[in-house]
C-alpha cells in the first residue's frame, strides 16, 4: 500500500489536512494532483522463470499462469490443473518432420519438486473418424525419459 500524505502545504503557509479531503470528497472540488495521479503498485508477475536441476540435468522452465502455459523441455505445454500446492501440465511439439515430443509433468508449488515424462514418438499423432468411430494413432514410442528435478525461482539481472 502506498504511504498516505496527511496534509497539503498551501501557498500562504497553512496546512490543509486529511479531514478537509474527507469533507471535500462528497461535495467539493477535485483533490490536488498529488492525490489523484498516484502510480498503482506493480502487479505480481504473470510468469515465473525457474531453474530446475537434477542428476546430470539443468533445465529452464517458464510458468505463465495468466496464459495457462509451461515452457520447457522444448515444448510449450498447457496447464491442465492448478491448485495451491501443484501445477499439472502436458503438451506436444514437433521435433522434426518425423518425430514428435510429448511432455507431461507435475510441479509441486511448495517444495519445487518437478516430475516430467518426456516421450519422443516416431511419427506425429494422426486423428480420424471411420464409420462413426473416432481413432488416434500416436506413432511408435522411440524414447521415454523420466525427469525428477528441483526448481527454484531465478532472479532477473535487469
N, C-alpha and C. Protein backbone atom coordinates (compact mmCIF):
# COMPACT_ATOMS: atom_id res chain seq x y z
N UNK A 1 0.84 -1.17 0.00
CA UNK A 1 0.00 0.00 0.00
C UNK A 1 0.89 1.24 0.00
N UNK A 2 0.48 2.23 -0.76
CA UNK A 2 1.26 3.45 -0.85
C UNK A 2 1.10 4.28 0.42
N UNK A 3 2.14 5.01 0.84
CA UNK A 3 2.01 5.86 2.03
C UNK A 3 1.01 6.98 1.75
N UNK A 4 0.29 7.35 2.77
CA UNK A 4 -0.73 8.38 2.63
C UNK A 4 -0.18 9.71 3.14
N UNK A 5 -0.39 10.74 2.36
CA UNK A 5 0.04 12.07 2.76
C UNK A 5 -1.03 12.65 3.67
N UNK A 6 -0.63 13.22 4.77
CA UNK A 6 -1.59 13.68 5.78
C UNK A 6 -2.06 15.11 5.57
N UNK A 7 -1.31 15.92 4.83
CA UNK A 7 -1.72 17.31 4.66
C UNK A 7 -1.10 17.87 3.39
N UNK A 8 -1.65 19.02 2.95
CA UNK A 8 -1.10 19.76 1.83
C UNK A 8 -0.65 21.11 2.36
N UNK A 9 0.52 21.53 1.96
CA UNK A 9 1.02 22.83 2.37
C UNK A 9 0.53 23.87 1.36
N UNK A 10 -0.27 24.81 1.82
CA UNK A 10 -0.84 25.85 0.95
C UNK A 10 0.18 26.95 0.71
N UNK A 11 -0.09 27.80 -0.31
CA UNK A 11 0.84 28.86 -0.68
C UNK A 11 1.02 29.89 0.44
N UNK A 12 0.02 30.04 1.32
CA UNK A 12 0.14 31.02 2.40
C UNK A 12 0.78 30.41 3.66
N UNK A 13 1.30 29.18 3.55
CA UNK A 13 1.97 28.56 4.67
C UNK A 13 1.07 27.72 5.56
N UNK A 14 -0.24 27.76 5.33
CA UNK A 14 -1.16 26.95 6.13
C UNK A 14 -1.21 25.53 5.58
N UNK A 15 -1.66 24.63 6.45
CA UNK A 15 -1.80 23.23 6.07
C UNK A 15 -3.27 22.89 5.92
N UNK A 16 -3.60 22.12 4.89
CA UNK A 16 -4.95 21.61 4.72
C UNK A 16 -4.84 20.11 4.94
N UNK A 17 -5.55 19.57 5.94
CA UNK A 17 -5.36 18.19 6.36
C UNK A 17 -6.33 17.20 5.74
N UNK A 18 -6.16 15.93 6.15
CA UNK A 18 -6.96 14.82 5.63
C UNK A 18 -8.44 14.99 5.94
N UNK A 19 -8.78 15.63 7.07
CA UNK A 19 -10.19 15.84 7.39
C UNK A 19 -10.86 16.75 6.36
N UNK A 20 -10.11 17.68 5.80
CA UNK A 20 -10.65 18.55 4.75
C UNK A 20 -10.96 17.73 3.50
N UNK A 21 -10.07 16.77 3.15
CA UNK A 21 -10.31 15.96 1.95
C UNK A 21 -11.49 15.03 2.14
N UNK A 22 -11.71 14.57 3.34
CA UNK A 22 -12.87 13.72 3.59
C UNK A 22 -14.16 14.51 3.38
N UNK A 23 -14.19 15.76 3.80
CA UNK A 23 -15.38 16.59 3.61
C UNK A 23 -15.54 16.96 2.15
N UNK A 24 -14.45 17.18 1.46
CA UNK A 24 -14.49 17.59 0.05
C UNK A 24 -14.85 16.44 -0.89
N UNK A 25 -14.64 15.22 -0.45
CA UNK A 25 -14.84 14.06 -1.30
C UNK A 25 -16.27 13.99 -1.85
N UNK A 26 -17.24 14.35 -1.06
CA UNK A 26 -18.63 14.21 -1.47
C UNK A 26 -19.20 15.43 -2.17
N UNK A 27 -18.73 16.62 -1.86
CA UNK A 27 -19.39 17.78 -2.45
C UNK A 27 -18.46 18.90 -2.89
N UNK A 28 -17.19 18.72 -2.87
CA UNK A 28 -16.29 19.82 -3.19
C UNK A 28 -15.54 19.61 -4.47
N UNK A 29 -14.56 20.47 -4.72
CA UNK A 29 -13.75 20.35 -5.94
C UNK A 29 -12.85 19.12 -5.87
N UNK A 30 -12.27 18.80 -7.00
CA UNK A 30 -11.37 17.65 -7.06
C UNK A 30 -10.15 17.89 -6.18
N UNK A 31 -9.62 16.82 -5.58
CA UNK A 31 -8.40 16.97 -4.78
C UNK A 31 -7.23 17.32 -5.69
N UNK A 32 -6.14 17.80 -5.12
CA UNK A 32 -4.98 18.18 -5.93
C UNK A 32 -4.39 16.98 -6.65
N UNK A 33 -3.49 17.28 -7.62
CA UNK A 33 -2.94 16.24 -8.48
C UNK A 33 -2.19 15.17 -7.69
N UNK A 34 -1.51 15.55 -6.61
CA UNK A 34 -0.76 14.54 -5.87
C UNK A 34 -1.67 13.50 -5.25
N UNK A 35 -2.97 13.76 -5.14
CA UNK A 35 -3.92 12.78 -4.60
C UNK A 35 -4.50 11.88 -5.69
N UNK A 36 -4.56 12.37 -6.94
CA UNK A 36 -5.23 11.60 -7.99
C UNK A 36 -4.27 10.90 -8.94
N UNK A 37 -3.05 11.38 -9.08
CA UNK A 37 -2.12 10.80 -10.04
C UNK A 37 -1.14 9.85 -9.37
N UNK A 38 -1.59 9.06 -8.46
CA UNK A 38 -0.72 8.11 -7.80
C UNK A 38 -0.47 6.92 -8.72
N UNK A 39 0.75 6.46 -8.74
CA UNK A 39 1.09 5.29 -9.52
C UNK A 39 0.68 4.06 -8.73
N UNK A 40 -0.11 3.15 -9.31
CA UNK A 40 -0.52 1.97 -8.56
C UNK A 40 0.66 1.04 -8.31
N UNK A 41 0.52 0.22 -7.31
CA UNK A 41 1.56 -0.76 -7.01
C UNK A 41 1.69 -1.71 -8.20
N UNK A 42 2.90 -2.15 -8.53
CA UNK A 42 3.04 -3.07 -9.66
C UNK A 42 2.36 -4.39 -9.37
N UNK A 43 1.75 -4.97 -10.40
CA UNK A 43 1.08 -6.26 -10.25
C UNK A 43 2.12 -7.36 -10.12
N UNK A 44 1.71 -8.44 -9.53
CA UNK A 44 2.60 -9.59 -9.46
C UNK A 44 2.84 -10.12 -10.86
N UNK A 45 4.02 -10.61 -11.07
CA UNK A 45 4.37 -11.10 -12.40
C UNK A 45 3.46 -12.26 -12.79
N UNK A 46 3.01 -12.24 -14.04
CA UNK A 46 2.14 -13.31 -14.52
C UNK A 46 2.93 -14.57 -14.79
N UNK A 47 4.22 -14.44 -15.06
CA UNK A 47 5.03 -15.62 -15.33
C UNK A 47 6.23 -15.66 -14.38
N UNK A 48 6.67 -16.86 -14.12
CA UNK A 48 7.84 -17.08 -13.26
C UNK A 48 8.86 -17.92 -14.01
N UNK A 49 10.11 -17.50 -13.95
CA UNK A 49 11.20 -18.28 -14.53
C UNK A 49 11.79 -19.15 -13.44
N UNK A 50 11.97 -20.42 -13.77
CA UNK A 50 12.50 -21.38 -12.82
C UNK A 50 13.77 -22.02 -13.39
N UNK A 51 14.69 -22.33 -12.50
CA UNK A 51 15.86 -23.10 -12.85
C UNK A 51 15.72 -24.44 -12.15
N UNK A 52 15.65 -25.51 -12.95
CA UNK A 52 15.41 -26.85 -12.40
C UNK A 52 16.66 -27.70 -12.59
N UNK A 53 17.11 -28.30 -11.51
CA UNK A 53 18.33 -29.11 -11.56
C UNK A 53 18.05 -30.50 -11.02
N UNK A 54 18.80 -31.44 -11.52
CA UNK A 54 18.72 -32.83 -11.09
C UNK A 54 19.99 -33.53 -11.51
N UNK A 55 20.01 -34.86 -11.38
CA UNK A 55 21.21 -35.60 -11.77
C UNK A 55 21.51 -35.41 -13.26
N UNK A 56 22.64 -34.82 -13.57
CA UNK A 56 23.11 -34.59 -14.94
C UNK A 56 22.14 -33.78 -15.79
N UNK A 57 21.27 -32.99 -15.17
CA UNK A 57 20.27 -32.22 -15.92
C UNK A 57 20.13 -30.83 -15.32
N UNK A 58 20.08 -29.83 -16.19
CA UNK A 58 19.78 -28.46 -15.78
C UNK A 58 18.84 -27.90 -16.84
N UNK A 59 17.62 -27.59 -16.47
CA UNK A 59 16.59 -27.17 -17.43
C UNK A 59 15.93 -25.88 -16.95
N UNK A 60 15.73 -24.96 -17.87
CA UNK A 60 14.98 -23.74 -17.57
C UNK A 60 13.50 -23.96 -17.85
N UNK A 61 12.67 -23.36 -17.03
CA UNK A 61 11.22 -23.53 -17.16
C UNK A 61 10.57 -22.18 -16.96
N UNK A 62 9.54 -21.87 -17.75
CA UNK A 62 8.77 -20.65 -17.57
C UNK A 62 7.32 -21.05 -17.33
N UNK A 63 6.79 -20.70 -16.16
CA UNK A 63 5.40 -20.99 -15.81
C UNK A 63 4.62 -19.69 -15.96
N UNK A 64 3.64 -19.68 -16.84
CA UNK A 64 2.82 -18.49 -17.09
C UNK A 64 1.38 -18.84 -16.72
N UNK A 65 0.96 -18.45 -15.51
CA UNK A 65 -0.38 -18.78 -15.04
C UNK A 65 -1.45 -17.99 -15.78
N UNK A 66 -1.12 -16.77 -16.23
CA UNK A 66 -2.11 -15.96 -16.94
C UNK A 66 -2.47 -16.60 -18.28
N UNK A 67 -1.47 -17.11 -19.00
CA UNK A 67 -1.72 -17.76 -20.29
C UNK A 67 -2.04 -19.24 -20.14
N UNK A 68 -1.77 -19.81 -18.98
CA UNK A 68 -2.01 -21.23 -18.76
C UNK A 68 -1.02 -22.12 -19.47
N UNK A 69 0.26 -21.69 -19.51
CA UNK A 69 1.27 -22.47 -20.21
C UNK A 69 2.51 -22.69 -19.34
N UNK A 70 3.22 -23.76 -19.67
CA UNK A 70 4.53 -24.07 -19.08
C UNK A 70 5.47 -24.31 -20.25
N UNK A 71 6.55 -23.54 -20.32
CA UNK A 71 7.52 -23.68 -21.42
C UNK A 71 8.80 -24.29 -20.89
N UNK A 72 9.22 -25.35 -21.55
CA UNK A 72 10.45 -26.01 -21.17
C UNK A 72 10.53 -27.36 -21.83
N UNK A 73 11.69 -27.96 -21.84
CA UNK A 73 11.92 -29.27 -22.44
C UNK A 73 11.59 -29.25 -23.93
N UNK A 74 11.71 -28.07 -24.57
CA UNK A 74 11.46 -27.97 -26.00
C UNK A 74 10.00 -27.89 -26.39
N UNK A 75 9.10 -27.75 -25.42
CA UNK A 75 7.66 -27.76 -25.69
C UNK A 75 6.97 -26.66 -24.89
N UNK A 76 5.94 -26.07 -25.46
CA UNK A 76 5.05 -25.19 -24.70
C UNK A 76 3.82 -26.02 -24.35
N UNK A 77 3.70 -26.39 -23.07
CA UNK A 77 2.63 -27.27 -22.61
C UNK A 77 1.50 -26.44 -21.99
N UNK A 78 0.30 -26.99 -22.01
CA UNK A 78 -0.86 -26.33 -21.42
C UNK A 78 -1.06 -26.82 -19.99
N UNK A 79 -1.37 -25.89 -19.10
CA UNK A 79 -1.65 -26.26 -17.72
C UNK A 79 -3.03 -26.91 -17.67
N UNK A 80 -3.09 -28.12 -17.17
CA UNK A 80 -4.35 -28.86 -17.10
C UNK A 80 -5.05 -28.67 -15.75
N UNK A 81 -4.26 -28.54 -14.70
CA UNK A 81 -4.84 -28.38 -13.36
C UNK A 81 -3.86 -27.61 -12.49
N UNK A 82 -4.40 -26.69 -11.71
CA UNK A 82 -3.57 -25.96 -10.77
C UNK A 82 -4.35 -25.75 -9.49
N UNK A 83 -3.66 -25.81 -8.37
CA UNK A 83 -4.25 -25.50 -7.07
C UNK A 83 -3.17 -24.87 -6.21
N UNK A 84 -3.41 -24.77 -4.92
CA UNK A 84 -2.46 -24.10 -4.03
C UNK A 84 -1.13 -24.83 -3.91
N UNK A 85 -1.12 -26.13 -4.19
CA UNK A 85 0.10 -26.91 -3.95
C UNK A 85 0.76 -27.47 -5.21
N UNK A 86 0.06 -27.53 -6.35
CA UNK A 86 0.68 -28.15 -7.51
C UNK A 86 0.15 -27.59 -8.82
N UNK A 87 0.92 -27.82 -9.87
CA UNK A 87 0.55 -27.45 -11.24
C UNK A 87 0.81 -28.68 -12.11
N UNK A 88 -0.23 -29.13 -12.82
CA UNK A 88 -0.09 -30.26 -13.74
C UNK A 88 -0.20 -29.74 -15.17
N UNK A 89 0.64 -30.27 -16.06
CA UNK A 89 0.66 -29.77 -17.43
C UNK A 89 1.00 -30.89 -18.39
N UNK A 90 0.60 -30.71 -19.66
CA UNK A 90 1.04 -31.59 -20.73
C UNK A 90 0.92 -30.89 -22.07
N UNK A 91 1.72 -31.34 -23.03
CA UNK A 91 1.70 -30.74 -24.35
C UNK A 91 2.64 -31.48 -25.27
N UNK A 92 2.52 -31.17 -26.55
CA UNK A 92 3.40 -31.80 -27.52
C UNK A 92 3.87 -30.77 -28.53
N UNK A 93 5.01 -31.06 -29.10
CA UNK A 93 5.57 -30.16 -30.09
C UNK A 93 6.42 -30.94 -31.06
N UNK A 94 6.48 -30.50 -32.31
CA UNK A 94 7.28 -31.22 -33.29
C UNK A 94 8.77 -31.07 -33.04
N UNK A 95 9.47 -32.15 -33.17
CA UNK A 95 10.92 -32.13 -33.06
C UNK A 95 11.53 -31.91 -34.44
N UNK A 96 11.05 -32.67 -35.37
CA UNK A 96 11.39 -32.51 -36.78
C UNK A 96 10.21 -33.09 -37.57
N UNK A 97 10.36 -33.28 -38.84
CA UNK A 97 9.24 -33.76 -39.65
C UNK A 97 8.81 -35.18 -39.33
N UNK A 98 9.67 -35.96 -38.71
CA UNK A 98 9.37 -37.38 -38.49
C UNK A 98 9.07 -37.73 -37.03
N UNK A 99 9.48 -36.89 -36.09
CA UNK A 99 9.31 -37.23 -34.68
C UNK A 99 8.57 -36.11 -33.94
N UNK A 100 7.90 -36.49 -32.86
CA UNK A 100 7.14 -35.55 -32.03
C UNK A 100 7.51 -35.78 -30.58
N UNK A 101 7.69 -34.68 -29.82
CA UNK A 101 7.94 -34.78 -28.38
C UNK A 101 6.66 -34.50 -27.62
N UNK A 102 6.39 -35.32 -26.60
CA UNK A 102 5.26 -35.11 -25.71
C UNK A 102 5.80 -34.97 -24.30
N UNK A 103 5.35 -33.94 -23.59
CA UNK A 103 5.80 -33.67 -22.23
C UNK A 103 4.60 -33.67 -21.30
N UNK A 104 4.68 -34.44 -20.23
CA UNK A 104 3.66 -34.47 -19.19
C UNK A 104 4.37 -34.27 -17.86
N UNK A 105 3.87 -33.34 -17.03
CA UNK A 105 4.58 -33.08 -15.80
C UNK A 105 3.71 -32.56 -14.67
N UNK A 106 4.32 -32.52 -13.49
CA UNK A 106 3.68 -32.02 -12.28
C UNK A 106 4.73 -31.26 -11.48
N UNK A 107 4.39 -30.02 -11.10
CA UNK A 107 5.28 -29.17 -10.32
C UNK A 107 4.66 -28.93 -8.96
N UNK A 108 5.39 -29.27 -7.91
CA UNK A 108 4.95 -29.01 -6.54
C UNK A 108 5.29 -27.56 -6.21
N UNK A 109 4.28 -26.76 -5.93
CA UNK A 109 4.48 -25.32 -5.71
C UNK A 109 5.09 -25.02 -4.34
N UNK A 110 5.09 -25.98 -3.43
CA UNK A 110 5.65 -25.77 -2.09
C UNK A 110 7.14 -26.12 -2.07
N UNK A 111 7.47 -27.32 -2.53
CA UNK A 111 8.85 -27.80 -2.45
C UNK A 111 9.67 -27.52 -3.70
N UNK A 112 9.00 -27.25 -4.84
CA UNK A 112 9.70 -27.05 -6.10
C UNK A 112 10.05 -28.34 -6.82
N UNK A 113 9.54 -29.48 -6.31
CA UNK A 113 9.82 -30.77 -6.95
C UNK A 113 9.08 -30.84 -8.28
N UNK A 114 9.81 -31.22 -9.33
CA UNK A 114 9.25 -31.32 -10.68
C UNK A 114 9.43 -32.74 -11.18
N UNK A 115 8.33 -33.33 -11.61
CA UNK A 115 8.36 -34.66 -12.21
C UNK A 115 7.85 -34.54 -13.64
N UNK A 116 8.68 -34.96 -14.61
CA UNK A 116 8.33 -34.80 -16.02
C UNK A 116 8.61 -36.11 -16.76
N UNK A 117 7.67 -36.50 -17.61
CA UNK A 117 7.86 -37.61 -18.54
C UNK A 117 7.94 -37.00 -19.93
N UNK A 118 9.09 -37.16 -20.57
CA UNK A 118 9.30 -36.66 -21.94
C UNK A 118 9.36 -37.87 -22.86
N UNK A 119 8.43 -37.89 -23.81
CA UNK A 119 8.30 -39.04 -24.70
C UNK A 119 8.47 -38.58 -26.14
N UNK A 120 9.32 -39.27 -26.87
CA UNK A 120 9.52 -38.98 -28.29
C UNK A 120 8.93 -40.11 -29.09
N UNK A 121 8.04 -39.77 -30.02
CA UNK A 121 7.43 -40.79 -30.87
C UNK A 121 7.98 -40.65 -32.28
N UNK A 122 7.89 -41.76 -33.05
CA UNK A 122 8.49 -41.79 -34.37
C UNK A 122 7.65 -41.10 -35.43
N UNK A 123 6.39 -40.81 -35.15
CA UNK A 123 5.54 -40.15 -36.13
C UNK A 123 4.56 -39.25 -35.39
N UNK A 124 4.08 -38.19 -36.05
CA UNK A 124 3.10 -37.34 -35.38
C UNK A 124 1.79 -38.06 -35.16
N UNK A 125 1.01 -37.54 -34.21
CA UNK A 125 -0.30 -38.10 -33.93
C UNK A 125 -1.23 -37.85 -35.12
N UNK A 126 -2.02 -38.85 -35.44
CA UNK A 126 -3.00 -38.73 -36.51
C UNK A 126 -4.35 -39.09 -35.92
N UNK A 127 -5.32 -38.20 -36.08
CA UNK A 127 -6.67 -38.46 -35.59
C UNK A 127 -7.59 -38.61 -36.78
N UNK A 128 -8.58 -39.44 -36.61
CA UNK A 128 -9.53 -39.64 -37.70
C UNK A 128 -10.85 -40.18 -37.20
N UNK A 129 -11.76 -40.38 -38.15
CA UNK A 129 -13.08 -40.92 -37.83
C UNK A 129 -13.45 -41.87 -38.97
N UNK A 130 -13.73 -43.11 -38.61
CA UNK A 130 -14.10 -44.12 -39.59
C UNK A 130 -15.39 -44.78 -39.14
N UNK A 131 -16.38 -44.77 -39.99
CA UNK A 131 -17.68 -45.39 -39.69
C UNK A 131 -18.25 -44.95 -38.35
N UNK A 132 -18.11 -43.64 -38.05
CA UNK A 132 -18.65 -43.09 -36.82
C UNK A 132 -17.81 -43.37 -35.58
N UNK A 133 -16.63 -43.92 -35.75
CA UNK A 133 -15.76 -44.23 -34.61
C UNK A 133 -14.52 -43.34 -34.69
N UNK A 134 -14.24 -42.61 -33.59
CA UNK A 134 -13.05 -41.77 -33.53
C UNK A 134 -11.85 -42.63 -33.19
N UNK A 135 -10.72 -42.36 -33.84
CA UNK A 135 -9.49 -43.09 -33.57
C UNK A 135 -8.31 -42.13 -33.59
N UNK A 136 -7.21 -42.59 -32.97
CA UNK A 136 -6.00 -41.79 -32.93
C UNK A 136 -4.79 -42.72 -32.98
N UNK A 137 -3.85 -42.40 -33.87
CA UNK A 137 -2.60 -43.12 -33.95
C UNK A 137 -1.50 -42.21 -33.45
N UNK A 138 -0.78 -42.65 -32.42
CA UNK A 138 0.24 -41.79 -31.81
C UNK A 138 1.65 -42.14 -32.26
N UNK A 139 1.83 -43.08 -33.12
CA UNK A 139 3.17 -43.44 -33.56
C UNK A 139 3.85 -44.36 -32.55
N UNK A 140 4.99 -44.87 -32.94
CA UNK A 140 5.73 -45.79 -32.09
C UNK A 140 6.62 -45.00 -31.14
N UNK A 141 6.58 -45.32 -29.82
CA UNK A 141 7.47 -44.60 -28.91
C UNK A 141 8.93 -44.92 -29.22
N UNK A 142 9.70 -43.87 -29.43
CA UNK A 142 11.12 -44.06 -29.72
C UNK A 142 11.97 -43.91 -28.47
N UNK A 143 11.50 -43.05 -27.53
CA UNK A 143 12.30 -42.79 -26.34
C UNK A 143 11.40 -42.23 -25.24
N UNK A 144 11.62 -42.70 -24.01
CA UNK A 144 10.92 -42.16 -22.84
C UNK A 144 11.97 -41.81 -21.80
N UNK A 145 11.85 -40.58 -21.26
CA UNK A 145 12.77 -40.14 -20.22
C UNK A 145 11.95 -39.57 -19.06
N UNK A 146 12.22 -40.07 -17.86
CA UNK A 146 11.61 -39.53 -16.65
C UNK A 146 12.60 -38.60 -15.98
N UNK A 147 12.16 -37.37 -15.70
CA UNK A 147 12.99 -36.40 -15.01
C UNK A 147 12.43 -36.17 -13.61
N UNK A 148 13.30 -36.15 -12.63
CA UNK A 148 12.97 -35.77 -11.25
C UNK A 148 13.91 -34.63 -10.90
N UNK A 149 13.37 -33.41 -10.87
CA UNK A 149 14.18 -32.22 -10.69
C UNK A 149 13.67 -31.39 -9.51
N UNK A 150 14.48 -30.47 -9.06
CA UNK A 150 14.09 -29.50 -8.04
C UNK A 150 14.25 -28.11 -8.65
N UNK A 151 13.18 -27.31 -8.58
CA UNK A 151 13.16 -25.99 -9.23
C UNK A 151 13.23 -24.88 -8.20
N UNK A 152 13.90 -23.81 -8.61
CA UNK A 152 13.97 -22.58 -7.81
C UNK A 152 13.68 -21.40 -8.72
N UNK A 153 13.06 -20.37 -8.17
CA UNK A 153 12.79 -19.16 -8.94
C UNK A 153 14.11 -18.45 -9.20
N UNK A 154 14.33 -18.06 -10.46
CA UNK A 154 15.57 -17.35 -10.80
C UNK A 154 15.36 -15.86 -10.66
N UNK A 155 16.42 -15.15 -10.36
CA UNK A 155 16.37 -13.70 -10.24
C UNK A 155 16.73 -13.08 -11.58
N UNK A 156 16.05 -11.99 -11.90
CA UNK A 156 16.36 -11.26 -13.11
C UNK A 156 17.63 -10.44 -12.91
N UNK A 157 18.41 -10.31 -13.98
CA UNK A 157 19.61 -9.49 -13.91
C UNK A 157 19.30 -8.02 -14.15
N UNK A 158 18.26 -7.72 -14.90
CA UNK A 158 17.91 -6.33 -15.23
C UNK A 158 16.50 -6.03 -14.81
